[in-house]
Amino acid sequence: MSTLYIVAGLPGTGKTTLSEYLQRELGVPLFCKDKMKEILFDVVGFQSPQGKEQLDRASTEILYYDARHCLEAGGDAMIESNFKACDLPDVEKLAGEFGCRCVTLYLTGDLRAIFDRLCARNHAPDRHPAHAIDDHYPLLPGESDPATILEDWDEFEAMVTSWEVEKFHLGPVVTVDTTDFSKVDFPSVLAELRACLQ
């Protein structure tokens, strides 16, 4: 039976770092929504917040498309995204198509710590700049980076409330507190994940 590994949680909780570790240890194909979105940023670009939202929706569909083909071939797949409660029916449908088992890895923690990490990440040199830009990308020649988005605490809290990420889960759930990401025990998370599937 195929397994669909689902890595979920708010932005800035460390989903990509942890999922890349799990990919190496489990030998499972990993599909990260942000990586797909970055390709669309560079190839297609956007000229408005609405255009950016379209790329977000497109990257979600590509995520499901790629995972679907792995499951259809009888293999396992791992999908990583900041899944919201409203995404649950689509992922349930994906899993139901092939009768695969699911396990959710949910990353959470102190909201203030996550917010601070998210703000710092917006300015990290290895972070794609378009994630933190709302109105247009690519930038015009000589144009400086516009003000970044999601660096207002009240807006962040409103986003957290509206997304209801804590309600997204499918199958057994392994919850990981990433308030201090340096203290996350990766091998223990892997062991707990494997135990859920025995």
N, C-alpha and C. Protein backbone atom coordinates (compact mmCIF):
# COMPACT_ATOMS: atom_id res chain seq x y z
N MET A 1 0.85 -1.19 0.00
CA MET A 1 0.00 0.00 0.00
C MET A 1 0.88 1.24 0.00
N SER A 2 0.55 2.18 -0.85
CA SER A 2 1.32 3.43 -0.92
C SER A 2 1.04 4.30 0.30
N THR A 3 2.00 5.14 0.61
CA THR A 3 1.87 6.08 1.72
C THR A 3 2.02 7.50 1.22
N LEU A 4 1.11 8.36 1.66
CA LEU A 4 1.21 9.79 1.39
C LEU A 4 1.64 10.48 2.68
N TYR A 5 2.85 10.98 2.68
CA TYR A 5 3.37 11.74 3.82
C TYR A 5 3.00 13.21 3.60
N ILE A 6 2.40 13.83 4.60
CA ILE A 6 1.94 15.22 4.48
C ILE A 6 2.66 16.05 5.54
N VAL A 7 3.42 17.03 5.09
CA VAL A 7 4.14 17.92 6.01
C VAL A 7 3.43 19.26 6.00
N ALA A 8 2.85 19.63 7.14
CA ALA A 8 1.99 20.81 7.22
C ALA A 8 2.41 21.72 8.37
N GLY A 9 1.93 22.96 8.31
CA GLY A 9 2.23 23.93 9.37
C GLY A 9 2.32 25.32 8.79
N LEU A 10 2.39 26.31 9.66
CA LEU A 10 2.47 27.70 9.23
C LEU A 10 3.79 27.98 8.52
N PRO A 11 3.84 29.06 7.73
CA PRO A 11 5.12 29.50 7.18
C PRO A 11 6.11 29.78 8.32
N GLY A 12 7.36 29.42 8.10
CA GLY A 12 8.37 29.71 9.10
C GLY A 12 8.53 28.67 10.19
N THR A 13 7.84 27.53 10.07
CA THR A 13 7.94 26.49 11.10
C THR A 13 9.04 25.48 10.80
N GLY A 14 9.66 25.56 9.62
CA GLY A 14 10.76 24.65 9.29
C GLY A 14 10.34 23.44 8.50
N LYS A 15 9.22 23.52 7.81
CA LYS A 15 8.69 22.37 7.07
C LYS A 15 9.67 21.85 6.01
N THR A 16 10.23 22.76 5.22
CA THR A 16 11.10 22.33 4.13
C THR A 16 12.36 21.65 4.66
N THR A 17 12.98 22.23 5.67
CA THR A 17 14.20 21.65 6.23
C THR A 17 13.95 20.25 6.77
N LEU A 18 12.86 20.08 7.51
CA LEU A 18 12.56 18.78 8.09
C LEU A 18 12.13 17.78 7.01
N SER A 19 11.35 18.22 6.05
CA SER A 19 10.89 17.30 5.00
C SER A 19 12.05 16.84 4.12
N GLU A 20 13.04 17.70 3.90
CA GLU A 20 14.21 17.29 3.11
C GLU A 20 15.02 16.23 3.85
N TYR A 21 15.09 16.35 5.16
CA TYR A 21 15.74 15.30 5.96
C TYR A 21 14.97 13.99 5.84
N LEU A 22 13.66 14.05 5.98
CA LEU A 22 12.83 12.85 5.91
C LEU A 22 12.91 12.21 4.52
N GLN A 23 12.97 13.03 3.50
CA GLN A 23 13.10 12.51 2.13
C GLN A 23 14.36 11.66 2.01
N ARG A 24 15.46 12.17 2.53
CA ARG A 24 16.73 11.43 2.44
C ARG A 24 16.66 10.12 3.22
N GLU A 25 16.06 10.16 4.40
CA GLU A 25 16.02 8.97 5.25
C GLU A 25 15.02 7.92 4.76
N LEU A 26 13.91 8.38 4.21
CA LEU A 26 12.85 7.46 3.79
C LEU A 26 12.96 7.06 2.32
N GLY A 27 13.72 7.84 1.55
CA GLY A 27 13.84 7.57 0.11
C GLY A 27 12.54 7.79 -0.63
N VAL A 28 11.79 8.80 -0.20
CA VAL A 28 10.47 9.10 -0.77
C VAL A 28 10.55 10.36 -1.62
N PRO A 29 9.93 10.38 -2.80
CA PRO A 29 9.89 11.62 -3.58
C PRO A 29 9.21 12.74 -2.80
N LEU A 30 9.83 13.90 -2.78
CA LEU A 30 9.32 15.05 -2.03
C LEU A 30 8.89 16.15 -2.99
N PHE A 31 7.68 16.66 -2.77
CA PHE A 31 7.16 17.75 -3.59
C PHE A 31 6.82 18.93 -2.68
N CYS A 32 7.56 20.03 -2.85
CA CYS A 32 7.40 21.21 -2.01
C CYS A 32 6.70 22.31 -2.81
N LYS A 33 5.59 22.78 -2.31
CA LYS A 33 4.83 23.80 -3.02
C LYS A 33 5.67 25.06 -3.25
N ASP A 34 6.42 25.50 -2.27
CA ASP A 34 7.21 26.72 -2.43
C ASP A 34 8.24 26.60 -3.55
N LYS A 35 8.84 25.42 -3.69
CA LYS A 35 9.83 25.23 -4.76
C LYS A 35 9.16 25.37 -6.13
N MET A 36 7.96 24.82 -6.25
CA MET A 36 7.22 24.93 -7.50
C MET A 36 6.82 26.38 -7.77
N LYS A 37 6.42 27.06 -6.70
CA LYS A 37 6.01 28.45 -6.84
C LYS A 37 7.18 29.33 -7.28
N GLU A 38 8.37 29.03 -6.79
CA GLU A 38 9.54 29.81 -7.17
C GLU A 38 9.85 29.68 -8.66
N ILE A 39 9.65 28.49 -9.21
CA ILE A 39 9.83 28.32 -10.65
C ILE A 39 8.83 29.18 -11.41
N LEU A 40 7.59 29.20 -10.95
CA LEU A 40 6.57 30.03 -11.60
C LEU A 40 6.89 31.51 -11.44
N PHE A 41 7.40 31.91 -10.30
CA PHE A 41 7.81 33.31 -10.12
C PHE A 41 8.81 33.71 -11.19
N ASP A 42 9.80 32.85 -11.42
CA ASP A 42 10.89 33.18 -12.34
C ASP A 42 10.48 33.08 -13.81
N VAL A 43 9.65 32.10 -14.13
CA VAL A 43 9.29 31.86 -15.53
C VAL A 43 8.10 32.71 -15.96
N VAL A 44 7.11 32.83 -15.09
CA VAL A 44 5.86 33.52 -15.43
C VAL A 44 5.84 34.93 -14.84
N GLY A 45 6.20 35.05 -13.57
CA GLY A 45 6.13 36.34 -12.89
C GLY A 45 4.69 36.74 -12.58
N PHE A 46 4.53 37.91 -11.95
CA PHE A 46 3.18 38.42 -11.66
C PHE A 46 3.23 39.93 -11.61
N GLN A 47 2.09 40.54 -11.89
CA GLN A 47 2.00 42.00 -11.96
C GLN A 47 0.99 42.59 -10.98
N SER A 48 0.46 41.75 -10.10
CA SER A 48 -0.54 42.21 -9.14
C SER A 48 -0.68 41.15 -8.04
N PRO A 49 -1.26 41.52 -6.90
CA PRO A 49 -1.54 40.50 -5.88
C PRO A 49 -2.41 39.37 -6.42
N GLN A 50 -3.34 39.71 -7.31
CA GLN A 50 -4.21 38.69 -7.89
C GLN A 50 -3.39 37.72 -8.76
N GLY A 51 -2.42 38.28 -9.49
CA GLY A 51 -1.56 37.44 -10.31
C GLY A 51 -0.72 36.50 -9.46
N LYS A 52 -0.25 37.00 -8.33
CA LYS A 52 0.52 36.15 -7.42
C LYS A 52 -0.36 35.04 -6.85
N GLU A 53 -1.60 35.36 -6.54
CA GLU A 53 -2.53 34.36 -6.03
C GLU A 53 -2.78 33.26 -7.06
N GLN A 54 -2.83 33.63 -8.33
CA GLN A 54 -3.01 32.63 -9.39
C GLN A 54 -1.82 31.67 -9.43
N LEU A 55 -0.62 32.20 -9.26
CA LEU A 55 0.56 31.33 -9.23
C LEU A 55 0.53 30.42 -8.01
N ASP A 56 -0.01 30.91 -6.91
CA ASP A 56 -0.15 30.09 -5.71
C ASP A 56 -1.08 28.92 -5.98
N ARG A 57 -2.21 29.20 -6.62
CA ARG A 57 -3.16 28.13 -6.94
C ARG A 57 -2.55 27.14 -7.94
N ALA A 58 -1.82 27.67 -8.92
CA ALA A 58 -1.20 26.80 -9.92
C ALA A 58 -0.17 25.87 -9.27
N SER A 59 0.61 26.38 -8.34
CA SER A 59 1.62 25.55 -7.68
C SER A 59 0.97 24.45 -6.85
N THR A 60 -0.18 24.74 -6.26
CA THR A 60 -0.91 23.71 -5.52
C THR A 60 -1.37 22.59 -6.44
N GLU A 61 -1.89 22.95 -7.60
CA GLU A 61 -2.35 21.94 -8.56
C GLU A 61 -1.18 21.10 -9.07
N ILE A 62 -0.02 21.73 -9.29
CA ILE A 62 1.16 20.99 -9.73
C ILE A 62 1.62 20.03 -8.63
N LEU A 63 1.55 20.48 -7.39
CA LEU A 63 1.90 19.64 -6.24
C LEU A 63 1.06 18.37 -6.25
N TYR A 64 -0.25 18.52 -6.39
CA TYR A 64 -1.14 17.36 -6.40
C TYR A 64 -0.90 16.49 -7.63
N TYR A 65 -0.64 17.11 -8.76
CA TYR A 65 -0.41 16.37 -10.01
C TYR A 65 0.81 15.46 -9.86
N ASP A 66 1.90 16.00 -9.35
CA ASP A 66 3.12 15.21 -9.20
C ASP A 66 2.93 14.08 -8.20
N ALA A 67 2.30 14.37 -7.06
CA ALA A 67 2.07 13.33 -6.06
C ALA A 67 1.15 12.25 -6.61
N ARG A 68 0.15 12.66 -7.36
CA ARG A 68 -0.81 11.71 -7.93
C ARG A 68 -0.10 10.67 -8.80
N HIS A 69 0.86 11.11 -9.59
CA HIS A 69 1.55 10.17 -10.49
C HIS A 69 2.42 9.19 -9.72
N CYS A 70 3.00 9.61 -8.62
CA CYS A 70 3.76 8.68 -7.78
C CYS A 70 2.83 7.62 -7.18
N LEU A 71 1.72 8.08 -6.64
CA LEU A 71 0.77 7.15 -6.01
C LEU A 71 0.15 6.23 -7.04
N GLU A 72 -0.13 6.76 -8.21
CA GLU A 72 -0.73 5.96 -9.28
C GLU A 72 0.19 4.82 -9.70
N ALA A 73 1.50 5.07 -9.62
CA ALA A 73 2.48 4.05 -10.00
C ALA A 73 2.77 3.08 -8.86
N GLY A 74 2.06 3.25 -7.74
CA GLY A 74 2.24 2.35 -6.61
C GLY A 74 3.33 2.76 -5.65
N GLY A 75 3.86 3.97 -5.82
CA GLY A 75 4.92 4.44 -4.94
C GLY A 75 4.40 5.35 -3.84
N ASP A 76 5.30 5.74 -2.97
CA ASP A 76 4.98 6.69 -1.91
C ASP A 76 5.26 8.11 -2.40
N ALA A 77 4.73 9.10 -1.68
CA ALA A 77 4.99 10.50 -2.01
C ALA A 77 4.93 11.32 -0.74
N MET A 78 5.68 12.42 -0.74
CA MET A 78 5.64 13.36 0.38
C MET A 78 5.31 14.73 -0.19
N ILE A 79 4.29 15.38 0.38
CA ILE A 79 3.92 16.72 -0.05
C ILE A 79 4.10 17.67 1.12
N GLU A 80 4.65 18.85 0.82
CA GLU A 80 4.93 19.83 1.87
C GLU A 80 4.38 21.18 1.47
N SER A 81 3.57 21.76 2.36
CA SER A 81 2.97 23.06 2.09
C SER A 81 2.40 23.61 3.39
N ASN A 82 2.03 24.90 3.36
CA ASN A 82 1.32 25.48 4.50
C ASN A 82 -0.17 25.22 4.30
N PHE A 83 -0.54 23.94 4.39
CA PHE A 83 -1.92 23.52 4.15
C PHE A 83 -2.87 24.20 5.12
N LYS A 84 -4.00 24.64 4.58
CA LYS A 84 -5.06 25.26 5.37
C LYS A 84 -6.19 24.25 5.55
N ALA A 85 -7.12 24.55 6.46
CA ALA A 85 -8.26 23.66 6.67
C ALA A 85 -9.04 23.46 5.38
N CYS A 86 -9.14 24.49 4.55
CA CYS A 86 -9.92 24.39 3.31
C CYS A 86 -9.24 23.49 2.28
N ASP A 87 -7.96 23.13 2.48
CA ASP A 87 -7.26 22.25 1.55
C ASP A 87 -7.56 20.78 1.82
N LEU A 88 -8.13 20.47 2.96
CA LEU A 88 -8.31 19.08 3.37
C LEU A 88 -9.12 18.25 2.37
N PRO A 89 -10.25 18.75 1.85
CA PRO A 89 -11.01 17.93 0.89
C PRO A 89 -10.20 17.52 -0.34
N ASP A 90 -9.35 18.42 -0.84
CA ASP A 90 -8.55 18.09 -2.02
C ASP A 90 -7.52 17.01 -1.72
N VAL A 91 -6.90 17.07 -0.55
CA VAL A 91 -5.90 16.07 -0.20
C VAL A 91 -6.58 14.74 0.12
N GLU A 92 -7.76 14.79 0.75
CA GLU A 92 -8.53 13.57 0.98
C GLU A 92 -8.89 12.90 -0.34
N LYS A 93 -9.27 13.70 -1.31
CA LYS A 93 -9.61 13.16 -2.63
C LYS A 93 -8.39 12.51 -3.27
N LEU A 94 -7.24 13.18 -3.18
CA LEU A 94 -6.00 12.64 -3.73
C LEU A 94 -5.68 11.29 -3.11
N ALA A 95 -5.74 11.20 -1.80
CA ALA A 95 -5.43 9.95 -1.11
C ALA A 95 -6.46 8.88 -1.43
N GLY A 96 -7.73 9.28 -1.51
CA GLY A 96 -8.80 8.33 -1.76
C GLY A 96 -8.76 7.72 -3.14
N GLU A 97 -8.22 8.42 -4.10
CA GLU A 97 -8.14 7.90 -5.48
C GLU A 97 -7.38 6.59 -5.53
N PHE A 98 -6.38 6.45 -4.67
CA PHE A 98 -5.50 5.28 -4.74
C PHE A 98 -5.52 4.44 -3.47
N GLY A 99 -6.41 4.79 -2.55
CA GLY A 99 -6.54 4.02 -1.32
C GLY A 99 -5.26 3.96 -0.50
N CYS A 100 -4.47 5.01 -0.57
CA CYS A 100 -3.20 5.00 0.15
C CYS A 100 -3.40 5.38 1.62
N ARG A 101 -2.47 5.00 2.44
CA ARG A 101 -2.50 5.42 3.84
C ARG A 101 -1.82 6.78 3.95
N CYS A 102 -2.22 7.54 4.94
CA CYS A 102 -1.70 8.89 5.11
C CYS A 102 -1.16 9.07 6.52
N VAL A 103 -0.16 9.92 6.64
CA VAL A 103 0.34 10.35 7.94
C VAL A 103 0.69 11.82 7.81
N THR A 104 0.29 12.61 8.80
CA THR A 104 0.52 14.05 8.77
C THR A 104 1.58 14.44 9.79
N LEU A 105 2.57 15.17 9.34
CA LEU A 105 3.57 15.76 10.21
C LEU A 105 3.21 17.23 10.36
N TYR A 106 2.78 17.61 11.55
CA TYR A 106 2.30 18.98 11.79
C TYR A 106 3.30 19.75 12.62
N LEU A 107 3.87 20.80 12.02
CA LEU A 107 4.86 21.63 12.71
C LEU A 107 4.17 22.87 13.28
N THR A 108 4.42 23.11 14.55
CA THR A 108 3.77 24.23 15.23
C THR A 108 4.75 24.81 16.26
N GLY A 109 4.27 25.75 17.05
CA GLY A 109 5.13 26.35 18.07
C GLY A 109 4.58 27.68 18.54
N ASP A 110 5.37 28.37 19.32
CA ASP A 110 4.99 29.69 19.82
C ASP A 110 4.83 30.65 18.65
N LEU A 111 3.67 31.30 18.55
CA LEU A 111 3.38 32.14 17.39
C LEU A 111 4.35 33.31 17.27
N ARG A 112 4.73 33.89 18.38
CA ARG A 112 5.66 35.03 18.31
C ARG A 112 7.02 34.58 17.77
N ALA A 113 7.48 33.42 18.18
CA ALA A 113 8.76 32.90 17.69
C ALA A 113 8.68 32.60 16.19
N ILE A 114 7.55 32.03 15.77
CA ILE A 114 7.37 31.73 14.35
C ILE A 114 7.32 33.02 13.53
N PHE A 115 6.62 34.02 14.06
CA PHE A 115 6.53 35.31 13.37
C PHE A 115 7.91 35.94 13.22
N ASP A 116 8.69 35.93 14.28
CA ASP A 116 10.04 36.52 14.22
C ASP A 116 10.91 35.78 13.20
N ARG A 117 10.78 34.45 13.17
CA ARG A 117 11.57 33.66 12.22
C ARG A 117 11.13 33.94 10.79
N LEU A 118 9.83 34.11 10.60
CA LEU A 118 9.30 34.41 9.27
C LEU A 118 9.81 35.75 8.77
N CYS A 119 9.82 36.75 9.64
CA CYS A 119 10.31 38.08 9.25
C CYS A 119 11.79 38.02 8.89
N ALA A 120 12.57 37.29 9.68
CA ALA A 120 14.00 37.16 9.40
C ALA A 120 14.23 36.42 8.08
N ARG A 121 13.40 35.42 7.82
CA ARG A 121 13.55 34.64 6.59
C ARG A 121 13.27 35.49 5.36
N ASN A 122 12.35 36.44 5.47
CA ASN A 122 12.04 37.31 4.33
C ASN A 122 13.27 38.02 3.80
N HIS A 123 14.25 38.26 4.67
CA HIS A 123 15.44 39.02 4.29
C HIS A 123 16.68 38.14 4.11
N ALA A 124 16.50 36.83 4.24
CA ALA A 124 17.64 35.92 4.09
C ALA A 124 18.10 35.88 2.63
N PRO A 125 19.40 35.87 2.37
CA PRO A 125 19.90 35.92 1.00
C PRO A 125 19.53 34.69 0.17
N ASP A 126 19.28 33.55 0.82
CA ASP A 126 18.93 32.35 0.07
C ASP A 126 17.42 32.16 -0.09
N ARG A 127 16.64 33.11 0.36
CA ARG A 127 15.18 33.05 0.24
C ARG A 127 14.76 33.76 -1.04
N HIS A 128 13.93 33.12 -1.85
CA HIS A 128 13.48 33.76 -3.09
C HIS A 128 12.74 35.05 -2.74
N PRO A 129 13.15 36.18 -3.33
CA PRO A 129 12.56 37.47 -2.93
C PRO A 129 11.07 37.59 -3.20
N ALA A 130 10.56 36.88 -4.20
CA ALA A 130 9.15 37.04 -4.57
C ALA A 130 8.19 36.56 -3.49
N HIS A 131 8.66 35.70 -2.58
CA HIS A 131 7.78 35.26 -1.49
C HIS A 131 7.33 36.44 -0.63
N ALA A 132 8.20 37.43 -0.51
CA ALA A 132 7.93 38.56 0.38
C ALA A 132 7.48 39.81 -0.37
N ILE A 133 7.18 39.66 -1.65
CA ILE A 133 6.74 40.79 -2.47
C ILE A 133 5.32 40.52 -2.93
N ASP A 134 4.46 41.51 -2.80
CA ASP A 134 3.04 41.27 -3.06
C ASP A 134 2.56 41.81 -4.40
N ASP A 135 3.22 42.85 -4.95
CA ASP A 135 2.60 43.53 -6.09
C ASP A 135 3.14 43.15 -7.46
N HIS A 136 4.45 42.90 -7.60
CA HIS A 136 4.96 42.50 -8.91
C HIS A 136 6.35 41.87 -8.80
N TYR A 137 6.61 40.95 -9.73
CA TYR A 137 7.91 40.30 -9.83
C TYR A 137 8.01 39.75 -11.25
N PRO A 138 9.17 39.87 -11.93
CA PRO A 138 10.44 40.38 -11.41
C PRO A 138 10.45 41.89 -11.25
N LEU A 139 11.41 42.35 -10.46
CA LEU A 139 11.58 43.78 -10.27
C LEU A 139 12.14 44.41 -11.54
N LEU A 140 11.84 45.66 -11.74
CA LEU A 140 12.36 46.38 -12.89
C LEU A 140 13.83 46.71 -12.67
N PRO A 141 14.60 46.88 -13.76
CA PRO A 141 16.02 47.23 -13.61
C PRO A 141 16.21 48.47 -12.73
N GLY A 142 17.06 48.36 -11.74
CA GLY A 142 17.34 49.49 -10.85
C GLY A 142 16.33 49.68 -9.74
N GLU A 143 15.27 48.89 -9.74
CA GLU A 143 14.23 49.03 -8.71
C GLU A 143 14.67 48.33 -7.43
N SER A 144 14.48 49.00 -6.32
CA SER A 144 14.82 48.39 -5.03
C SER A 144 13.66 47.51 -4.58
N ASP A 145 13.97 46.59 -3.68
CA ASP A 145 12.92 45.71 -3.17
C ASP A 145 11.83 46.52 -2.50
N PRO A 146 10.57 46.28 -2.86
CA PRO A 146 9.47 46.97 -2.18
C PRO A 146 9.32 46.45 -0.76
N ALA A 147 8.45 47.09 -0.01
CA ALA A 147 8.21 46.65 1.37
C ALA A 147 7.74 45.20 1.37
N THR A 148 8.26 44.41 2.29
CA THR A 148 7.88 43.01 2.35
C THR A 148 6.53 42.85 3.03
N ILE A 149 5.90 41.73 2.72
CA ILE A 149 4.58 41.45 3.28
C ILE A 149 4.71 40.57 4.51
N LEU A 150 3.62 40.46 5.25
CA LEU A 150 3.52 39.61 6.43
C LEU A 150 4.57 39.96 7.48
N GLU A 151 4.84 41.24 7.67
CA GLU A 151 5.74 41.65 8.74
C GLU A 151 5.00 42.53 9.74
N ASP A 152 3.70 42.39 9.77
CA ASP A 152 2.87 43.08 10.74
C ASP A 152 2.22 42.02 11.63
N TRP A 153 2.41 42.14 12.93
CA TRP A 153 1.92 41.11 13.85
C TRP A 153 0.42 40.90 13.75
N ASP A 154 -0.35 41.97 13.67
CA ASP A 154 -1.81 41.85 13.59
C ASP A 154 -2.23 41.12 12.32
N GLU A 155 -1.57 41.43 11.21
CA GLU A 155 -1.88 40.74 9.95
C GLU A 155 -1.53 39.26 10.04
N PHE A 156 -0.41 38.97 10.69
CA PHE A 156 0.00 37.58 10.86
C PHE A 156 -1.01 36.82 11.70
N GLU A 157 -1.44 37.41 12.80
CA GLU A 157 -2.44 36.77 13.66
C GLU A 157 -3.74 36.52 12.90
N ALA A 158 -4.15 37.49 12.09
CA ALA A 158 -5.38 37.33 11.30
C ALA A 158 -5.23 36.20 10.30
N MET A 159 -4.05 36.09 9.69
CA MET A 159 -3.80 35.00 8.75
C MET A 159 -3.88 33.65 9.45
N VAL A 160 -3.24 33.55 10.61
CA VAL A 160 -3.26 32.29 11.37
C VAL A 160 -4.69 31.88 11.69
N THR A 161 -5.49 32.84 12.13
CA THR A 161 -6.89 32.56 12.48
C THR A 161 -7.68 32.09 11.27
N SER A 162 -7.49 32.75 10.14
CA SER A 162 -8.30 32.43 8.96
C SER A 162 -7.87 31.12 8.31
N TRP A 163 -6.61 30.78 8.39
CA TRP A 163 -6.13 29.56 7.74
C TRP A 163 -6.54 28.29 8.49
N GLU A 164 -6.64 28.35 9.81
CA GLU A 164 -7.02 27.18 10.62
C GLU A 164 -6.14 25.96 10.31
N VAL A 165 -4.84 26.19 10.29
CA VAL A 165 -3.92 25.10 9.93
C VAL A 165 -4.00 23.94 10.92
N GLU A 166 -4.38 24.22 12.15
CA GLU A 166 -4.45 23.15 13.15
C GLU A 166 -5.56 22.15 12.85
N LYS A 167 -6.48 22.50 11.98
CA LYS A 167 -7.58 21.60 11.62
C LYS A 167 -7.23 20.71 10.42
N PHE A 168 -6.06 20.94 9.84
CA PHE A 168 -5.66 20.13 8.69
C PHE A 168 -4.88 18.92 9.18
N HIS A 169 -5.45 17.75 9.03
CA HIS A 169 -4.73 16.51 9.33
C HIS A 169 -5.44 15.36 8.65
N LEU A 170 -4.65 14.39 8.24
CA LEU A 170 -5.18 13.21 7.55
C LEU A 170 -4.37 12.02 8.04
N GLY A 171 -5.05 11.03 8.59
CA GLY A 171 -4.35 9.89 9.16
C GLY A 171 -3.74 10.25 10.51
N PRO A 172 -2.84 9.41 11.02
CA PRO A 172 -2.17 9.72 12.28
C PRO A 172 -1.40 11.04 12.16
N VAL A 173 -1.28 11.76 13.27
CA VAL A 173 -0.60 13.05 13.27
C VAL A 173 0.60 13.02 14.21
N VAL A 174 1.74 13.40 13.68
CA VAL A 174 2.94 13.60 14.49
C VAL A 174 3.13 15.11 14.62
N THR A 175 3.00 15.62 15.84
CA THR A 175 3.12 17.06 16.09
C THR A 175 4.53 17.38 16.57
N VAL A 176 5.14 18.37 15.94
CA VAL A 176 6.50 18.76 16.29
C VAL A 176 6.51 20.24 16.68
N ASP A 177 6.99 20.52 17.89
CA ASP A 177 7.13 21.90 18.35
C ASP A 177 8.46 22.45 17.84
N THR A 178 8.37 23.45 16.96
CA THR A 178 9.59 24.02 16.37
C THR A 178 9.85 25.44 16.88
N THR A 179 9.35 25.75 18.08
CA THR A 179 9.59 27.07 18.65
C THR A 179 11.09 27.39 18.61
N ASP A 180 11.90 26.45 19.07
CA ASP A 180 13.36 26.54 18.94
C ASP A 180 13.78 25.42 18.00
N PHE A 181 13.96 25.77 16.73
CA PHE A 181 14.19 24.73 15.73
C PHE A 181 15.49 23.97 15.98
N SER A 182 16.44 24.62 16.63
CA SER A 182 17.72 23.96 16.89
C SER A 182 17.58 22.79 17.86
N LYS A 183 16.46 22.73 18.58
CA LYS A 183 16.25 21.66 19.56
C LYS A 183 15.40 20.52 19.00
N VAL A 184 14.98 20.62 17.75
CA VAL A 184 14.17 19.55 17.16
C VAL A 184 15.06 18.33 16.92
N ASP A 185 14.64 17.19 17.44
CA ASP A 185 15.38 15.94 17.30
C ASP A 185 14.89 15.22 16.04
N PHE A 186 15.58 15.41 14.94
CA PHE A 186 15.14 14.85 13.66
C PHE A 186 14.99 13.33 13.70
N PRO A 187 15.99 12.58 14.22
CA PRO A 187 15.82 11.12 14.26
C PRO A 187 14.60 10.68 15.07
N SER A 188 14.29 11.38 16.14
CA SER A 188 13.11 11.02 16.94
C SER A 188 11.83 11.26 16.16
N VAL A 189 11.79 12.35 15.40
CA VAL A 189 10.62 12.62 14.55
C VAL A 189 10.46 11.51 13.53
N LEU A 190 11.56 11.10 12.92
CA LEU A 190 11.54 10.02 11.93
C LEU A 190 11.03 8.72 12.56
N ALA A 191 11.51 8.41 13.76
CA ALA A 191 11.09 7.19 14.44
C ALA A 191 9.60 7.22 14.75
N GLU A 192 9.11 8.36 15.19
CA GLU A 192 7.68 8.49 15.51
C GLU A 192 6.84 8.36 14.25
N LEU A 193 7.34 8.92 13.15
CA LEU A 193 6.64 8.82 11.88
C LEU A 193 6.54 7.36 11.43
N ARG A 194 7.64 6.65 11.55
CA ARG A 194 7.65 5.23 11.16
C ARG A 194 6.74 4.41 12.05
N ALA A 195 6.71 4.73 13.33
CA ALA A 195 5.87 3.99 14.27
C ALA A 195 4.39 4.13 13.92
N CYS A 196 4.01 5.28 13.38
CA CYS A 196 2.61 5.50 13.00
C CYS A 196 2.17 4.58 11.88
N LEU A 197 3.12 4.07 11.12
CA LEU A 197 2.79 3.28 9.93
C LEU A 197 2.96 1.79 10.16
N GLN A 198 3.31 1.39 11.37
CA GLN A 198 3.49 -0.04 11.65
C GLN A 198 2.17 -0.71 12.00
